[in-house]
């Protein structure tokens, strides 16, 4: 006798979403979705068929990429306002207690899809990006040890998780710490874009662990500190990808975590990143205030190199306001603190802050003041220093891109083109929106000099690779 098939759950049409489409055809609405995705840096392959599946109720809850796009298109609404089912019910967690969603730390919309995908939801290799994905990622993180981030990135197989979540202990704290280290290492080598989404999932899991709470207060303190560092790491990936609002949210969450747990080192780190973000988003006065607040927090840390970095952040703020005297004074303070510092007293997250980074940050200050020759001199020094350590591939590419831009503004087009070529040579293994934008700006500035022998080939190469 043939076995009977399990009863199928009939789909309920999403009438709310159909009303939101209004008078547009499914194809026209799909085009509007794709345009909205481009506005916020997402990639979705929405077509009329996808719209039809949503309206028919076949897609009860969209993946995170579509969620971010829909909430951008219809601000102020939630997924349920758009007619979708809550994500946890679609995952089938019915019998398991699900922690309530947190307001800030990592909204589901903050995690972009991997950059190279086939049709929507199907990355290369055929794995499906569906609503079960976060569960798989969480299992990989909880069991992955030092390879946690690699497991997250590849969606590799993971052992099952028990129905009742266990409270975190020293093993989970260690895995959060390892995720932070993995993110920093891989960002140094490859840049932010490929890491942002899996890193965001790791942070989501860390906040779930905080919600569960450890039995021992010492473990809770460590978990708060490491989760704050993880929030800063994810915030930096957003920052480097030009996702300003998301970066600010992550940095702010890390600062709140530092204040709650009384962690001056984490507080100084959060203010340092906030100062950098303020500079990048055209708020130099805020950059000065944040850097100064970070310096006050750093008094309890005892690291001269940390004071040096915060002084450079302050210098950039003064330079952004055109205050040459303030910038010079802060740079001098940074030089003195850097000379007094030692690696032994430097926080682990500052592994990037060596001679090359110091030169690069100083060069950025001179660039903000319009002193392009001096900025190019600093960037050239940064490139020479960074080449001695190929581990920091992203930084070598960044410094080369900065050098190209400063040389172009200094009226040295052939040298700028040569530095641009060197940057493009490094971009095969590095994906960074910051570097991409620097190269595009340099190519634009060099167009009036495209008659020069070395300039035209760089402009064509930059256009061809889309960098």
Protein backbone atom coordinates (compact mmCIF):
# COMPACT_ATOMS: atom_id res chain seq x y z
CA UNK A 1 0.00 0.00 0.00
CA UNK A 2 1.35 3.37 -0.93
CA UNK A 3 2.27 5.66 1.91
CA UNK A 4 0.20 8.78 2.20
CA UNK A 5 1.95 12.11 1.77
CA UNK A 6 1.91 14.49 4.68
CA UNK A 7 -0.74 17.13 4.36
CA UNK A 8 0.59 20.29 2.73
CA UNK A 9 0.01 23.67 4.28
CA UNK A 10 -1.99 25.79 1.86
CA UNK A 11 -0.54 29.19 1.12
CA UNK A 12 -2.49 32.24 2.24
CA UNK A 13 -2.36 35.07 -0.32
CA UNK A 14 -0.57 38.19 0.84
CA UNK A 15 -3.30 40.73 0.11
CA UNK A 16 -1.44 43.51 1.96
CA UNK A 17 1.56 43.26 -0.32
CA UNK A 18 -0.71 43.16 -3.36
CA UNK A 19 -2.29 46.44 -2.27
CA UNK A 20 1.14 48.03 -1.84
CA UNK A 21 1.93 47.21 -5.49
CA UNK A 22 -0.95 49.49 -6.47
CA UNK A 23 -1.42 50.02 -10.21
CA UNK A 24 2.04 48.75 -11.19
CA UNK A 25 2.30 45.49 -13.07
CA UNK A 26 4.33 42.72 -11.39
CA UNK A 27 7.18 43.43 -13.80
CA UNK A 28 7.10 47.19 -13.11
CA UNK A 29 7.01 46.58 -9.38
CA UNK A 30 9.96 44.17 -9.66
CA UNK A 31 11.92 46.89 -11.45
CA UNK A 32 11.10 49.29 -8.61
CA UNK A 33 12.39 46.71 -6.11
CA UNK A 34 15.67 46.38 -8.01
CA UNK A 35 16.08 50.17 -8.12
CA UNK A 36 15.44 50.42 -4.38
CA UNK A 37 18.02 47.69 -3.78
CA UNK A 38 20.65 49.64 -5.71
CA UNK A 39 19.90 52.72 -3.61
CA UNK A 40 21.03 50.92 -0.46
CA UNK A 41 23.77 48.78 -1.97
CA UNK A 42 21.85 45.49 -2.07
CA UNK A 43 21.68 42.97 -4.91
CA UNK A 44 18.38 41.22 -5.57
CA UNK A 45 17.21 39.53 -8.76
CA UNK A 46 13.57 40.42 -8.34
CA UNK A 47 11.30 39.63 -11.29
CA UNK A 48 7.57 39.34 -11.92
CA UNK A 49 7.63 35.69 -10.89
CA UNK A 50 9.06 36.55 -7.46
CA UNK A 51 6.41 39.24 -6.95
CA UNK A 52 3.75 36.72 -7.88
CA UNK A 53 5.08 34.17 -5.39
CA UNK A 54 5.01 36.77 -2.61
CA UNK A 55 1.46 37.81 -3.39
CA UNK A 56 0.35 34.19 -3.62
CA UNK A 57 1.74 33.57 -0.12
CA UNK A 58 4.37 31.08 -1.29
CA UNK A 59 7.08 33.27 0.25
CA UNK A 60 5.88 33.68 3.80
CA UNK A 61 8.94 35.65 4.90
CA UNK A 62 11.62 37.15 2.60
CA UNK A 63 15.32 36.60 3.05
CA UNK A 64 17.35 39.30 4.73
CA UNK A 65 18.34 41.06 1.50
CA UNK A 66 14.74 41.44 0.37
CA UNK A 67 13.68 42.42 3.89
CA UNK A 68 16.12 45.32 3.87
CA UNK A 69 14.91 46.46 0.46
CA UNK A 70 11.20 46.25 1.34
CA UNK A 71 11.70 48.18 4.58
CA UNK A 72 13.60 50.80 2.60
CA UNK A 73 10.73 51.06 0.11
CA UNK A 74 8.09 51.30 2.85
CA UNK A 75 9.75 53.15 5.75
CA UNK A 76 8.17 52.92 9.17
CA UNK A 77 6.65 49.51 8.51
CA UNK A 78 7.62 46.08 9.77
CA UNK A 79 7.55 42.79 7.86
CA UNK A 80 4.21 41.93 9.45
CA UNK A 81 2.88 45.32 8.29
CA UNK A 82 3.78 44.17 4.77
CA UNK A 83 1.77 40.97 5.19
CA UNK A 84 4.65 38.60 5.95
CA UNK A 85 4.78 36.03 8.76
CA UNK A 86 7.18 36.55 11.68
CA UNK A 87 10.56 35.07 10.83
CA UNK A 88 10.71 32.76 13.85
CA UNK A 89 7.42 31.08 12.90
CA UNK A 90 8.68 30.40 9.38
CA UNK A 91 11.81 28.81 10.80
CA UNK A 92 9.64 26.28 12.57
CA UNK A 93 10.88 27.03 16.06
CA UNK A 94 7.42 26.71 17.50
CA UNK A 95 8.25 24.73 20.63
CA UNK A 96 11.47 26.58 21.37
CA UNK A 97 11.59 29.80 23.29
CA UNK A 98 12.89 32.55 21.04
CA UNK A 99 14.53 35.59 22.65
CA UNK A 100 12.69 38.82 21.85
CA UNK A 101 14.35 40.88 19.14
CA UNK A 102 16.74 43.59 20.33
CA UNK A 103 16.13 47.12 19.19
CA UNK A 104 19.61 48.04 18.00
CA UNK A 105 22.49 45.60 17.92
CA UNK A 106 22.05 43.93 14.55
CA UNK A 107 18.81 44.42 12.70
CA UNK A 108 18.24 41.58 10.27
CA UNK A 109 18.31 44.09 7.43
CA UNK A 110 21.90 45.01 8.18
CA UNK A 111 23.37 41.88 6.65
CA UNK A 112 23.84 42.03 2.87
CA UNK A 113 23.97 38.93 0.69
CA UNK A 114 27.29 37.64 -0.62
CA UNK A 115 28.40 39.78 -3.56
CA UNK A 116 28.46 37.01 -6.15
CA UNK A 117 25.16 35.19 -6.52
CA UNK A 118 23.17 33.50 -9.21
CA UNK A 119 19.41 33.93 -9.23
CA UNK A 120 18.06 35.40 -6.02
CA UNK A 121 18.55 33.04 -3.11
CA UNK A 122 20.94 30.71 -4.97
CA UNK A 123 24.63 31.44 -4.45
CA UNK A 124 27.26 29.81 -6.64
CA UNK A 125 27.37 26.12 -5.88
CA UNK A 126 23.63 25.82 -5.51
CA UNK A 127 23.13 26.29 -1.77
CA UNK A 128 19.80 27.91 -0.99
CA UNK A 129 19.63 31.20 0.90
CA UNK A 130 16.41 30.68 2.83
CA UNK A 131 14.86 31.40 6.17
CA UNK A 132 16.67 28.48 7.82
CA UNK A 133 20.02 30.11 7.13
CA UNK A 134 20.42 31.88 10.44
CA UNK A 135 19.88 28.62 12.32
CA UNK A 136 22.65 26.97 10.29
CA UNK A 137 24.95 29.93 10.90
CA UNK A 138 24.20 29.89 14.61
CA UNK A 139 25.07 26.20 14.85
CA UNK A 140 28.29 26.78 12.96
CA UNK A 141 29.22 29.61 15.32
CA UNK A 142 28.38 27.66 18.46
CA UNK A 143 30.42 24.65 17.38
CA UNK A 144 33.05 26.07 15.08
CA UNK A 145 35.79 27.04 17.53
CA UNK A 146 38.62 28.97 15.88
CA UNK A 147 37.10 28.35 12.45
CA UNK A 148 33.80 29.99 13.39
CA UNK A 149 33.88 32.71 10.78
CA UNK A 150 34.95 30.34 8.03
CA UNK A 151 32.01 28.10 8.90
CA UNK A 152 29.69 31.08 8.83
CA UNK A 153 30.98 32.24 5.48
CA UNK A 154 30.67 28.87 3.76
CA UNK A 155 27.38 27.73 5.30
CA UNK A 156 29.06 24.42 5.98
CA UNK A 157 27.25 21.50 7.62
CA UNK A 158 26.81 21.68 11.36
CA UNK A 159 25.73 19.25 14.05
CA UNK A 160 22.22 19.62 15.41
CA UNK A 161 21.44 21.92 18.29
CA UNK A 162 19.31 20.76 21.17
CA UNK A 163 15.83 22.19 21.44
CA UNK A 164 16.57 23.88 24.78
CA UNK A 165 19.24 26.60 24.49
CA UNK A 166 22.02 26.26 27.04
CA UNK A 167 23.44 29.19 28.93
CA UNK A 168 26.83 30.40 27.71
CA UNK A 169 30.06 29.51 29.45
CA UNK A 170 33.76 29.96 28.87
CA UNK A 171 33.62 27.96 25.63
CA UNK A 172 31.08 30.35 24.08
CA UNK A 173 33.06 33.38 25.27
CA UNK A 174 36.14 31.94 23.58
CA UNK A 175 34.20 31.47 20.34
CA UNK A 176 33.02 35.07 20.34
CA UNK A 177 36.61 36.16 20.89
CA UNK A 178 37.82 33.91 18.07
CA UNK A 179 35.16 35.33 15.73
CA UNK A 180 36.48 38.83 16.44
CA UNK A 181 40.03 37.72 15.64
CA UNK A 182 38.95 35.92 12.49
CA UNK A 183 37.09 38.99 11.24
CA UNK A 184 40.11 41.21 11.83
CA UNK A 185 42.46 38.78 10.15
CA UNK A 186 40.26 38.26 7.10
CA UNK A 187 39.51 41.99 6.78
CA UNK A 188 43.25 42.70 6.73
CA UNK A 189 43.60 40.21 3.89
CA UNK A 190 40.43 40.65 1.85
CA UNK A 191 38.51 43.79 2.82
CA UNK A 192 35.00 44.30 4.15
CA UNK A 193 32.47 43.39 1.49
CA UNK A 194 32.75 39.60 1.55
CA UNK A 195 32.78 39.48 5.35
CA UNK A 196 29.96 41.81 6.31
CA UNK A 197 27.06 39.40 6.15
CA UNK A 198 28.62 36.38 7.94
CA UNK A 199 30.13 38.68 10.56
CA UNK A 200 26.69 40.15 11.18
CA UNK A 201 25.29 36.69 11.78
CA UNK A 202 28.06 36.00 14.29
CA UNK A 203 27.11 39.19 16.13
CA UNK A 204 23.46 38.19 16.17
CA UNK A 205 24.42 34.95 17.86
CA UNK A 206 26.61 36.76 20.40
CA UNK A 207 23.66 38.94 21.41
CA UNK A 208 21.49 35.86 21.78
CA UNK A 209 24.11 34.52 24.20
CA UNK A 210 24.00 37.80 26.13
CA UNK A 211 20.22 37.52 26.35
CA UNK A 212 20.53 34.01 27.78
CA UNK A 213 23.11 35.17 30.33
CA UNK A 214 25.95 33.21 31.90
CA UNK A 215 25.77 31.69 35.34
CA UNK A 216 28.98 33.37 36.54
CA UNK A 217 29.39 37.14 36.58
CA UNK A 218 33.01 36.90 35.42
CA UNK A 219 31.86 35.03 32.30
CA UNK A 220 29.15 37.63 31.72
CA UNK A 221 31.73 40.41 31.93
CA UNK A 222 33.95 38.69 29.37
CA UNK A 223 30.98 38.02 27.13
CA UNK A 224 29.95 41.69 27.24
CA UNK A 225 33.48 42.82 26.42
CA UNK A 226 33.95 40.40 23.54
CA UNK A 227 30.48 41.07 22.15
CA UNK A 228 31.23 44.78 22.22
CA UNK A 229 34.44 44.18 20.27
CA UNK A 230 32.49 42.04 17.82
CA UNK A 231 29.96 44.86 17.36
CA UNK A 232 32.84 47.23 16.60
CA UNK A 233 34.27 44.77 14.07
CA UNK A 234 30.94 44.45 12.27
CA UNK A 235 30.54 48.21 12.49
CA UNK A 236 33.90 48.65 10.82
CA UNK A 237 32.88 46.32 7.98
CA UNK A 238 29.75 48.46 7.51
CA UNK A 239 31.87 51.61 7.75
CA UNK A 240 34.35 50.41 5.13
CA UNK A 241 31.41 49.45 2.89
CA UNK A 242 29.96 52.97 3.21
CA UNK A 243 26.91 51.78 5.15
CA UNK A 244 27.07 54.81 7.40
CA UNK A 245 23.84 54.43 9.39
CA UNK A 246 24.51 50.79 10.15
CA UNK A 247 28.09 51.52 11.21
CA UNK A 248 26.88 54.23 13.57
CA UNK A 249 24.33 51.82 15.06
CA UNK A 250 26.93 49.13 15.72
CA UNK A 251 29.42 51.61 17.17
CA UNK A 252 26.73 53.07 19.40
CA UNK A 253 25.71 49.62 20.60
CA UNK A 254 29.34 48.83 21.46
CA UNK A 255 29.60 52.11 23.38
CA UNK A 256 26.45 51.28 25.33
CA UNK A 257 27.85 47.83 26.11
CA UNK A 258 31.08 49.43 27.35
CA UNK A 259 29.19 51.84 29.60
CA UNK A 260 26.98 49.08 31.03
CA UNK A 261 29.92 46.78 31.78
CA UNK A 262 32.30 49.55 32.92
CA UNK A 263 34.93 48.67 30.32
CA UNK A 264 37.19 51.72 29.60
CA UNK A 265 39.18 49.90 26.90
CA UNK A 266 36.03 49.07 24.95
CA UNK A 267 34.71 52.61 25.49
CA UNK A 268 37.92 54.14 24.11
CA UNK A 269 37.74 51.81 21.10
CA UNK A 270 34.11 52.74 20.43
CA UNK A 271 34.84 56.47 20.62
CA UNK A 272 37.84 56.00 18.33
CA UNK A 273 35.64 54.40 15.68
CA UNK A 274 32.90 56.98 16.14
CA UNK A 275 35.45 59.74 15.60
CA UNK A 276 36.61 58.08 12.38
CA UNK A 277 33.03 57.69 11.18
CA UNK A 278 32.23 61.33 11.99
CA UNK A 279 35.21 62.44 9.93
CA UNK A 280 34.18 60.26 7.00
CA UNK A 281 30.61 61.57 7.05
CA UNK A 282 31.53 65.25 7.14
CA UNK A 283 31.02 65.94 10.85
CA UNK A 284 34.52 67.11 11.89
CA UNK A 285 33.46 68.82 15.11
CA UNK A 286 31.84 65.60 16.28
CA UNK A 287 35.04 63.78 15.34
CA UNK A 288 37.02 66.05 17.66
CA UNK A 289 34.59 65.55 20.55
CA UNK A 290 34.48 61.77 20.11
CA UNK A 291 38.27 61.53 19.94
CA UNK A 292 38.62 63.64 23.08
CA UNK A 293 36.07 61.49 24.89
CA UNK A 294 38.01 58.43 23.79
CA UNK A 295 41.21 59.95 25.15
CA UNK A 296 39.55 60.42 28.54
CA UNK A 297 38.45 56.79 28.56
CA UNK A 298 41.94 55.70 27.46
CA UNK A 299 43.45 57.19 30.62
CA UNK A 300 42.33 54.03 32.40
CA UNK A 301 43.87 51.75 29.77
CA UNK A 302 47.52 52.82 29.94
CA UNK A 303 48.38 52.49 26.25
CA UNK A 304 50.40 55.26 24.60
CA UNK A 305 49.70 53.82 21.14
CA UNK A 306 45.96 54.08 21.84
CA UNK A 307 46.44 57.72 22.87
CA UNK A 308 48.39 58.24 19.64
CA UNK A 309 45.60 56.86 17.47
CA UNK A 310 42.99 58.95 19.27
CA UNK A 311 45.14 62.05 18.80
CA UNK A 312 45.25 61.34 15.05
CA UNK A 313 41.47 61.00 15.03
CA UNK A 314 41.27 64.38 16.75
CA UNK A 315 43.74 65.86 14.26
CA UNK A 316 41.55 64.73 11.38
CA UNK A 317 38.59 66.49 12.97
CA UNK A 318 40.52 69.74 13.33
CA UNK A 319 41.77 69.40 9.76
CA UNK A 320 38.22 68.84 8.53
CA UNK A 321 37.28 72.19 10.08
CA UNK A 322 40.26 73.85 8.45
CA UNK A 323 41.91 74.43 11.85
CA UNK A 324 45.55 74.01 10.87
CA UNK A 325 46.92 74.92 14.31
CA UNK A 326 44.70 72.40 16.08
CA UNK A 327 45.58 69.69 13.57
CA UNK A 328 49.32 70.36 13.91
CA UNK A 329 49.14 70.23 17.68
CA UNK A 330 47.19 66.95 17.67
CA UNK A 331 49.61 65.40 15.15
CA UNK A 332 52.52 66.39 17.38
CA UNK A 333 50.78 64.77 20.37
CA UNK A 334 50.20 61.64 18.31
CA UNK A 335 53.88 61.49 17.28
CA UNK A 336 55.04 61.83 20.88
CA UNK A 337 52.66 59.18 22.21
CA UNK A 338 53.52 56.81 19.37
CA UNK A 339 57.25 57.14 20.11
CA UNK A 340 56.66 56.42 23.80
CA UNK A 341 54.39 53.45 23.13
CA UNK A 342 55.24 49.79 23.01
CA UNK A 343 53.62 46.75 21.44
CA UNK A 344 53.27 45.10 24.83
CA UNK A 345 50.85 47.80 26.03
CA UNK A 346 48.86 48.04 22.80
CA UNK A 347 45.32 46.57 22.70
CA UNK A 348 44.93 43.54 20.45
CA UNK A 349 42.48 45.28 18.11
CA UNK A 350 45.18 47.82 17.22
CA UNK A 351 47.36 45.32 15.36
CA UNK A 352 46.84 47.41 12.21
CA UNK A 353 48.33 50.53 13.83
CA UNK A 354 51.97 50.44 12.84
CA UNK A 355 54.30 52.85 11.10
CA UNK A 356 52.40 52.52 7.81
CA UNK A 357 49.00 53.28 9.32
CA UNK A 358 50.40 56.24 11.24
CA UNK A 359 51.82 57.68 8.03
CA UNK A 360 48.53 57.08 6.20
CA UNK A 361 46.44 58.79 8.88
CA UNK A 362 48.81 61.73 9.04
CA UNK A 363 48.59 62.00 5.25
CA UNK A 364 44.80 62.08 5.43
CA UNK A 365 45.03 65.04 7.81
CA UNK A 366 47.25 66.99 5.41
CA UNK A 367 44.87 66.09 2.59
CA UNK A 368 41.94 67.55 4.54
CA UNK A 369 43.99 70.72 4.89
CA UNK A 370 44.62 70.78 1.13
CA UNK A 371 48.37 70.14 1.45
CA UNK A 372 48.47 67.50 -1.30
CA UNK A 373 52.28 67.23 -1.72
CA UNK A 374 52.71 66.56 2.00
CA UNK A 375 49.80 64.12 1.95
CA UNK A 376 51.41 62.27 -0.98
CA UNK A 377 54.71 62.12 0.89
CA UNK A 378 52.99 60.48 3.88
CA UNK A 379 51.04 58.05 1.67
CA UNK A 380 54.22 57.05 -0.16
CA UNK A 381 55.87 56.30 3.17
CA UNK A 382 52.85 54.24 4.22
CA UNK A 383 53.08 52.14 1.03
CA UNK A 384 56.80 51.50 1.48
CA UNK A 385 56.32 50.39 5.09
CA UNK A 386 53.25 48.24 4.38
CA UNK A 387 54.95 46.30 1.61
CA UNK A 388 57.25 44.77 4.22
CA UNK A 389 54.27 42.86 5.65
CA UNK A 390 52.11 41.26 2.93
CA UNK A 391 49.69 40.04 5.62
CA UNK A 392 48.00 43.47 5.46
CA UNK A 393 47.01 43.19 1.81
CA UNK A 394 44.03 45.48 2.22
CA UNK A 395 46.13 48.19 3.82
CA UNK A 396 48.75 48.06 1.05
CA UNK A 397 45.96 48.51 -1.50
CA UNK A 398 44.40 51.33 0.53
CA UNK A 399 47.65 53.24 0.93
CA UNK A 400 48.41 52.83 -2.78
CA UNK A 401 44.95 54.16 -3.67
CA UNK A 402 45.43 57.12 -1.34
CA UNK A 403 48.83 57.80 -2.89
CA UNK A 404 47.35 57.77 -6.39
CA UNK A 405 44.67 60.27 -5.39
CA UNK A 406 47.09 62.62 -3.62
CA UNK A 407 49.51 62.54 -6.56
CA UNK A 408 46.68 63.32 -8.96
CA UNK A 409 45.72 66.37 -6.90
CA UNK A 410 49.38 67.38 -6.67
CA UNK A 411 49.61 67.71 -10.46
CA UNK A 412 51.68 64.54 -10.99
CA UNK A 413 49.42 62.53 -13.30
CA UNK A 414 51.90 59.91 -14.53
CA UNK A 415 53.00 59.03 -11.00
CA UNK A 416 49.34 58.92 -9.97
CA UNK A 417 48.56 56.51 -12.81
CA UNK A 418 51.47 54.28 -11.82
CA UNK A 419 50.21 54.14 -8.22
CA UNK A 420 46.71 53.42 -9.54
CA UNK A 421 48.03 50.47 -11.56
CA UNK A 422 49.76 49.13 -8.46
CA UNK A 423 46.49 49.32 -6.57
CA UNK A 424 44.61 47.48 -9.31
CA UNK A 425 47.26 44.75 -9.20
CA UNK A 426 46.35 44.21 -5.53
CA UNK A 427 42.58 44.26 -5.96
CA UNK A 428 42.18 40.66 -7.12
CA UNK A 429 42.14 39.44 -3.53
CA UNK A 430 40.77 42.57 -1.83
CA UNK A 431 37.20 43.86 -1.94
CA UNK A 432 36.72 47.25 -0.31
CA UNK A 433 34.23 49.94 -1.25
CA UNK A 434 36.55 52.58 0.19
CA UNK A 435 39.39 51.58 -2.15
CA UNK A 436 37.05 51.25 -5.11
CA UNK A 437 35.76 54.77 -4.62
CA UNK A 438 39.27 56.20 -4.22
CA UNK A 439 40.34 54.66 -7.54
CA UNK A 440 37.24 55.87 -9.34
CA UNK A 441 37.81 59.40 -8.05
CA UNK A 442 41.46 59.28 -9.16
CA UNK A 443 40.50 58.14 -12.65
CA UNK A 444 38.00 61.00 -12.90
CA UNK A 445 40.60 63.54 -11.85
CA UNK A 446 43.13 62.20 -14.34
CA UNK A 447 40.86 62.46 -17.38
CA UNK A 448 42.07 65.96 -18.32
CA UNK A 449 45.59 64.47 -18.48
CA UNK A 450 44.65 61.35 -20.44
CA UNK A 451 46.98 62.50 -23.24
CA UNK A 452 49.92 61.64 -20.98
CA UNK A 453 51.54 58.34 -21.95
CA UNK A 454 50.79 56.40 -18.72
CA UNK A 455 47.46 57.95 -17.83
CA UNK A 456 45.09 56.65 -20.51
CA UNK A 457 45.91 52.95 -19.88
CA UNK A 458 45.11 53.38 -16.17
CA UNK A 459 41.79 55.09 -16.90
CA UNK A 460 40.81 52.32 -19.32
CA UNK A 461 41.88 49.59 -16.92
CA UNK A 462 39.99 51.14 -14.04
CA UNK A 463 36.86 51.40 -16.18
CA UNK A 464 37.23 47.81 -17.45
CA UNK A 465 37.47 46.23 -14.02
CA UNK A 466 34.82 48.53 -12.56
CA UNK A 467 37.08 49.42 -9.66
